């Protein structure tokens, strides 16, 4: 009789208590309006990127950067900084792997797949359409109307081998580009949505290029705090396996039309 009573109480408890409450896990309080994302006490700002055209790639770069070619993009939004450890913890909650990084440092060391899971969770919380930027969007936003290797004096805009002391730094400490984006070059590499194809550029479409299914690799851009000046360039391309974790690779959010 005692066991029947206990089982009855357990059934009533599971029925009446909301999911997650028994484990002490509360759903994050999240909102997104006017380019400002707030999850619990963490704030993340998005910049409006105008529609436009630019020359993507570099005729003086590596083979996979050639040829420089015209790309035309619609308007979208881009995170002013990389996603931070603080935002990661706020979104992923108590079930997230223990994070030891400072809240204002870029969330790095996660795989592309894990970052994709983060974005899916964030969209569930906010009802938004956040995503990773396409490779074309990333380069267009990085250049911000410029056409050289960098969008400014490298020492002023980037934590790279010449300025970082071999360390990753808090986001938003260097000068932003003309569209208000920080750390597009250096500090940590940034994941993009596209699958990597070294031969994509010669046949890439002009309007909203989004890569093509060619390999099981994903594009990452921008260089890191350990990269030299030859690597920390707007046109430089690299690639990773999506399921592997890599130190020194993070990501920033994009939102809007895309490809």
Protein backbone atom coordinates (compact mmCIF):
# COMPACT_ATOMS: atom_id res chain seq x y z
CA UNK A 1 0.00 0.00 0.00
CA UNK A 2 2.86 2.35 0.88
CA UNK A 3 4.47 1.77 -2.56
CA UNK A 4 1.16 2.46 -4.32
CA UNK A 5 0.87 5.77 -2.41
CA UNK A 6 4.45 6.77 -3.37
CA UNK A 7 3.86 5.94 -7.02
CA UNK A 8 0.66 7.97 -7.02
CA UNK A 9 2.49 11.00 -5.61
CA UNK A 10 5.25 10.61 -8.22
CA UNK A 11 2.73 10.54 -11.07
CA UNK A 12 1.00 13.66 -9.70
CA UNK A 13 4.37 15.43 -9.34
CA UNK A 14 5.43 14.67 -12.90
CA UNK A 15 2.02 15.76 -14.21
CA UNK A 16 1.82 19.04 -12.29
CA UNK A 17 5.44 20.24 -12.42
CA UNK A 18 6.49 21.89 -15.72
CA UNK A 19 9.23 20.16 -17.75
CA UNK A 20 12.69 21.17 -16.55
CA UNK A 21 11.51 22.47 -13.17
CA UNK A 22 12.39 19.22 -11.39
CA UNK A 23 15.98 19.53 -12.56
CA UNK A 24 16.23 23.22 -11.72
CA UNK A 25 16.53 24.22 -15.37
CA UNK A 26 14.47 27.22 -16.48
CA UNK A 27 13.93 28.24 -20.06
CA UNK A 28 16.05 31.27 -20.92
CA UNK A 29 14.31 34.64 -21.08
CA UNK A 30 15.05 35.75 -24.65
CA UNK A 31 13.96 38.59 -26.91
CA UNK A 32 15.06 40.11 -30.21
CA UNK A 33 13.94 43.50 -31.49
CA UNK A 34 15.50 46.39 -33.43
CA UNK A 35 18.76 44.53 -33.89
CA UNK A 36 19.25 43.76 -30.20
CA UNK A 37 19.22 40.20 -28.88
CA UNK A 38 18.88 39.75 -25.12
CA UNK A 39 19.09 36.33 -23.48
CA UNK A 40 18.81 36.52 -19.71
CA UNK A 41 21.31 39.28 -18.89
CA UNK A 42 23.44 38.88 -22.02
CA UNK A 43 23.10 41.48 -24.79
CA UNK A 44 24.17 40.88 -28.39
CA UNK A 45 23.84 43.53 -31.10
CA UNK A 46 23.34 43.04 -34.82
CA UNK A 47 24.34 45.54 -37.53
CA UNK A 48 22.22 46.19 -40.62
CA UNK A 49 24.26 45.32 -43.71
CA UNK A 50 23.05 47.07 -46.88
CA UNK A 51 22.42 45.31 -50.17
CA UNK A 52 25.20 45.75 -52.71
CA UNK A 53 27.84 44.36 -55.02
CA UNK A 54 31.53 43.69 -54.47
CA UNK A 55 34.49 41.84 -55.92
CA UNK A 56 34.86 38.62 -53.97
CA UNK A 57 38.18 36.81 -53.79
CA UNK A 58 41.63 37.95 -54.85
CA UNK A 59 43.61 37.52 -58.05
CA UNK A 60 46.83 37.83 -56.01
CA UNK A 61 45.81 35.33 -53.31
CA UNK A 62 45.81 31.57 -53.03
CA UNK A 63 44.41 29.36 -55.79
CA UNK A 64 41.07 28.92 -54.03
CA UNK A 65 40.63 32.72 -53.85
CA UNK A 66 40.78 33.09 -57.65
CA UNK A 67 39.40 34.63 -59.70
CA UNK A 68 38.15 37.81 -58.11
CA UNK A 69 34.52 37.84 -59.22
CA UNK A 70 31.40 39.95 -58.87
CA UNK A 71 28.94 39.01 -56.12
CA UNK A 72 25.62 40.70 -55.46
CA UNK A 73 23.91 40.37 -52.08
CA UNK A 74 20.60 41.41 -50.59
CA UNK A 75 20.38 43.21 -47.27
CA UNK A 76 20.92 41.16 -44.11
CA UNK A 77 22.03 41.56 -40.50
CA UNK A 78 25.34 40.53 -38.97
CA UNK A 79 26.53 40.28 -35.38
CA UNK A 80 28.72 43.20 -34.37
CA UNK A 81 30.98 40.74 -32.56
CA UNK A 82 31.52 37.02 -32.37
CA UNK A 83 29.13 35.13 -30.12
CA UNK A 84 30.61 35.21 -26.62
CA UNK A 85 30.93 32.54 -23.96
CA UNK A 86 28.37 34.52 -21.95
CA UNK A 87 25.76 34.33 -24.70
CA UNK A 88 26.53 30.67 -25.29
CA UNK A 89 25.92 29.83 -21.64
CA UNK A 90 22.73 31.92 -21.55
CA UNK A 91 21.29 30.13 -24.58
CA UNK A 92 22.44 26.59 -23.88
CA UNK A 93 21.70 26.73 -20.15
CA UNK A 94 22.75 24.35 -17.40
CA UNK A 95 22.99 21.44 -19.80
CA UNK A 96 25.81 23.18 -21.68
CA UNK A 97 29.28 21.83 -21.15
CA UNK A 98 31.05 23.64 -18.31
CA UNK A 99 32.47 26.83 -19.74
CA UNK A 100 35.58 28.34 -18.20
CA UNK A 101 36.09 31.22 -20.64
CA UNK A 102 35.37 34.83 -19.70
CA UNK A 103 31.83 35.91 -20.64
CA UNK A 104 33.14 38.64 -22.96
CA UNK A 105 35.52 36.37 -24.86
CA UNK A 106 34.51 34.73 -28.14
CA UNK A 107 32.90 31.31 -27.74
CA UNK A 108 35.58 29.14 -29.33
CA UNK A 109 36.55 25.51 -29.17
CA UNK A 110 33.16 24.24 -30.32
CA UNK A 111 32.56 22.29 -33.52
CA UNK A 112 30.59 23.67 -36.48
CA UNK A 113 27.84 21.17 -35.64
CA UNK A 114 27.66 22.41 -32.05
CA UNK A 115 27.41 26.01 -33.24
CA UNK A 116 24.58 24.96 -35.55
CA UNK A 117 22.83 23.40 -32.54
CA UNK A 118 23.31 26.67 -30.63
CA UNK A 119 21.62 28.61 -33.44
CA UNK A 120 18.71 26.16 -33.60
CA UNK A 121 18.24 26.51 -29.84
CA UNK A 122 18.39 30.30 -30.09
CA UNK A 123 15.76 30.30 -32.84
CA UNK A 124 13.51 28.11 -30.69
CA UNK A 125 13.86 30.62 -27.84
CA UNK A 126 13.27 33.74 -29.90
CA UNK A 127 11.22 32.61 -32.88
CA UNK A 128 13.98 34.22 -34.97
CA UNK A 129 15.78 33.25 -38.15
CA UNK A 130 19.37 33.43 -36.98
CA UNK A 131 21.95 31.47 -38.94
CA UNK A 132 25.61 31.47 -39.88
CA UNK A 133 26.58 33.91 -42.62
CA UNK A 134 27.30 32.58 -46.07
CA UNK A 135 30.91 32.88 -47.16
CA UNK A 136 29.97 35.70 -49.55
CA UNK A 137 28.09 37.56 -46.82
CA UNK A 138 31.04 37.20 -44.48
CA UNK A 139 33.54 38.67 -46.95
CA UNK A 140 31.17 41.43 -48.03
CA UNK A 141 30.52 42.41 -44.40
CA UNK A 142 34.23 42.20 -43.59
CA UNK A 143 35.23 44.50 -46.44
CA UNK A 144 32.46 47.03 -45.68
CA UNK A 145 33.01 48.85 -48.95
CA UNK A 146 36.80 48.46 -49.06
CA UNK A 147 38.72 46.48 -51.66
CA UNK A 148 42.13 45.76 -50.12
CA UNK A 149 43.41 42.87 -48.02
CA UNK A 150 42.12 44.51 -44.83
CA UNK A 151 39.54 47.17 -43.94
CA UNK A 152 42.08 49.29 -42.07
CA UNK A 153 45.49 49.34 -40.43
CA UNK A 154 45.96 45.76 -39.25
CA UNK A 155 47.44 46.67 -35.88
CA UNK A 156 44.44 48.90 -35.17
CA UNK A 157 41.70 46.50 -36.22
CA UNK A 158 42.93 42.98 -35.43
CA UNK A 159 44.35 40.71 -32.75
CA UNK A 160 46.82 38.73 -34.85
CA UNK A 161 50.35 37.40 -34.34
CA UNK A 162 51.74 40.94 -34.42
CA UNK A 163 49.50 42.33 -31.67
CA UNK A 164 47.87 39.53 -29.66
CA UNK A 165 50.77 38.19 -27.63
CA UNK A 166 49.54 34.76 -28.70
CA UNK A 167 46.33 35.17 -26.71
CA UNK A 168 42.63 35.43 -27.57
CA UNK A 169 41.13 38.70 -26.34
CA UNK A 170 37.70 39.96 -25.30
CA UNK A 171 35.48 40.97 -28.21
CA UNK A 172 35.07 44.55 -29.40
CA UNK A 173 38.41 45.97 -28.24
CA UNK A 174 39.86 46.90 -31.63
CA UNK A 175 38.55 49.43 -34.14
CA UNK A 176 35.40 48.33 -36.04
CA UNK A 177 34.96 48.51 -39.79
CA UNK A 178 32.75 51.08 -41.52
CA UNK A 179 29.62 49.00 -40.81
CA UNK A 180 30.30 48.70 -37.10
CA UNK A 181 31.63 45.14 -37.08
CA UNK A 182 34.45 44.25 -34.69
CA UNK A 183 37.14 41.57 -35.01
CA UNK A 184 36.23 40.46 -38.52
CA UNK A 185 39.94 39.79 -38.91
CA UNK A 186 42.02 38.05 -36.26
CA UNK A 187 41.25 36.94 -32.68
CA UNK A 188 39.36 33.78 -33.73
CA UNK A 189 38.47 32.24 -37.06
CA UNK A 190 34.75 32.33 -37.84
CA UNK A 191 32.55 29.55 -39.20
CA UNK A 192 30.46 30.16 -42.31
CA UNK A 193 27.43 28.28 -43.58
CA UNK A 194 28.92 27.09 -46.88
CA UNK A 195 30.50 23.78 -47.67
CA UNK A 196 34.07 24.34 -48.83
CA UNK A 197 34.82 23.96 -52.53
CA UNK A 198 38.25 25.06 -53.71
CA UNK A 199 37.00 25.26 -57.30
CA UNK A 200 33.77 27.15 -56.63
CA UNK A 201 34.77 30.69 -57.64
CA UNK A 202 35.14 30.27 -61.43
CA UNK A 203 31.50 29.18 -61.73
CA UNK A 204 29.93 30.92 -58.73
CA UNK A 205 26.63 32.69 -59.42
CA UNK A 206 26.59 36.47 -59.13
CA UNK A 207 23.42 36.81 -57.05
CA UNK A 208 23.57 35.63 -53.44
CA UNK A 209 26.22 32.91 -53.89
CA UNK A 210 25.87 30.31 -51.18
CA UNK A 211 28.37 27.65 -52.11
CA UNK A 212 27.52 24.20 -53.38
CA UNK A 213 27.50 20.72 -51.95
CA UNK A 214 30.99 19.57 -52.81
CA UNK A 215 32.70 18.15 -49.73
CA UNK A 216 32.00 17.35 -46.09
CA UNK A 217 34.10 20.37 -45.04
CA UNK A 218 32.85 23.80 -43.92
CA UNK A 219 34.35 27.21 -44.60
CA UNK A 220 35.93 29.34 -41.89
CA UNK A 221 37.28 32.86 -42.35
CA UNK A 222 39.24 35.72 -40.82
CA UNK A 223 42.33 34.26 -39.17
CA UNK A 224 43.11 34.15 -35.46
CA UNK A 225 45.31 35.62 -32.76
CA UNK A 226 48.06 33.22 -33.88
CA UNK A 227 47.83 34.06 -37.60
CA UNK A 228 50.34 36.17 -39.49
CA UNK A 229 49.46 39.13 -41.69
CA UNK A 230 49.42 36.97 -44.83
CA UNK A 231 46.59 34.92 -43.33
CA UNK A 232 44.55 37.73 -41.75
CA UNK A 233 43.01 38.96 -45.01
CA UNK A 234 39.44 39.54 -46.15
CA UNK A 235 39.74 37.09 -49.07
CA UNK A 236 41.57 34.26 -47.30
CA UNK A 237 39.68 30.96 -47.12
CA UNK A 238 40.10 27.95 -44.86
CA UNK A 239 38.12 24.84 -44.04
CA UNK A 240 37.33 22.44 -41.19
CA UNK A 241 35.42 19.22 -40.61
CA UNK A 242 32.04 20.13 -39.07
CA UNK A 243 32.06 17.49 -36.34
CA UNK A 244 35.55 18.26 -35.02
CA UNK A 245 36.33 20.76 -32.27
CA UNK A 246 39.02 23.34 -32.96
CA UNK A 247 40.53 25.85 -30.57
CA UNK A 248 40.59 29.37 -31.94
CA UNK A 249 37.46 29.08 -34.11
CA UNK A 250 34.25 30.86 -33.18
CA UNK A 251 31.29 32.33 -35.05
CA UNK A 252 28.99 35.31 -35.33
CA UNK A 253 25.29 35.40 -36.08
CA UNK A 254 23.62 36.46 -39.30
CA UNK A 255 19.94 36.99 -39.98
CA UNK A 256 17.80 38.01 -42.90
CA UNK A 257 17.19 36.89 -46.47
CA UNK A 258 20.42 34.99 -47.18
CA UNK A 259 20.66 32.88 -50.31
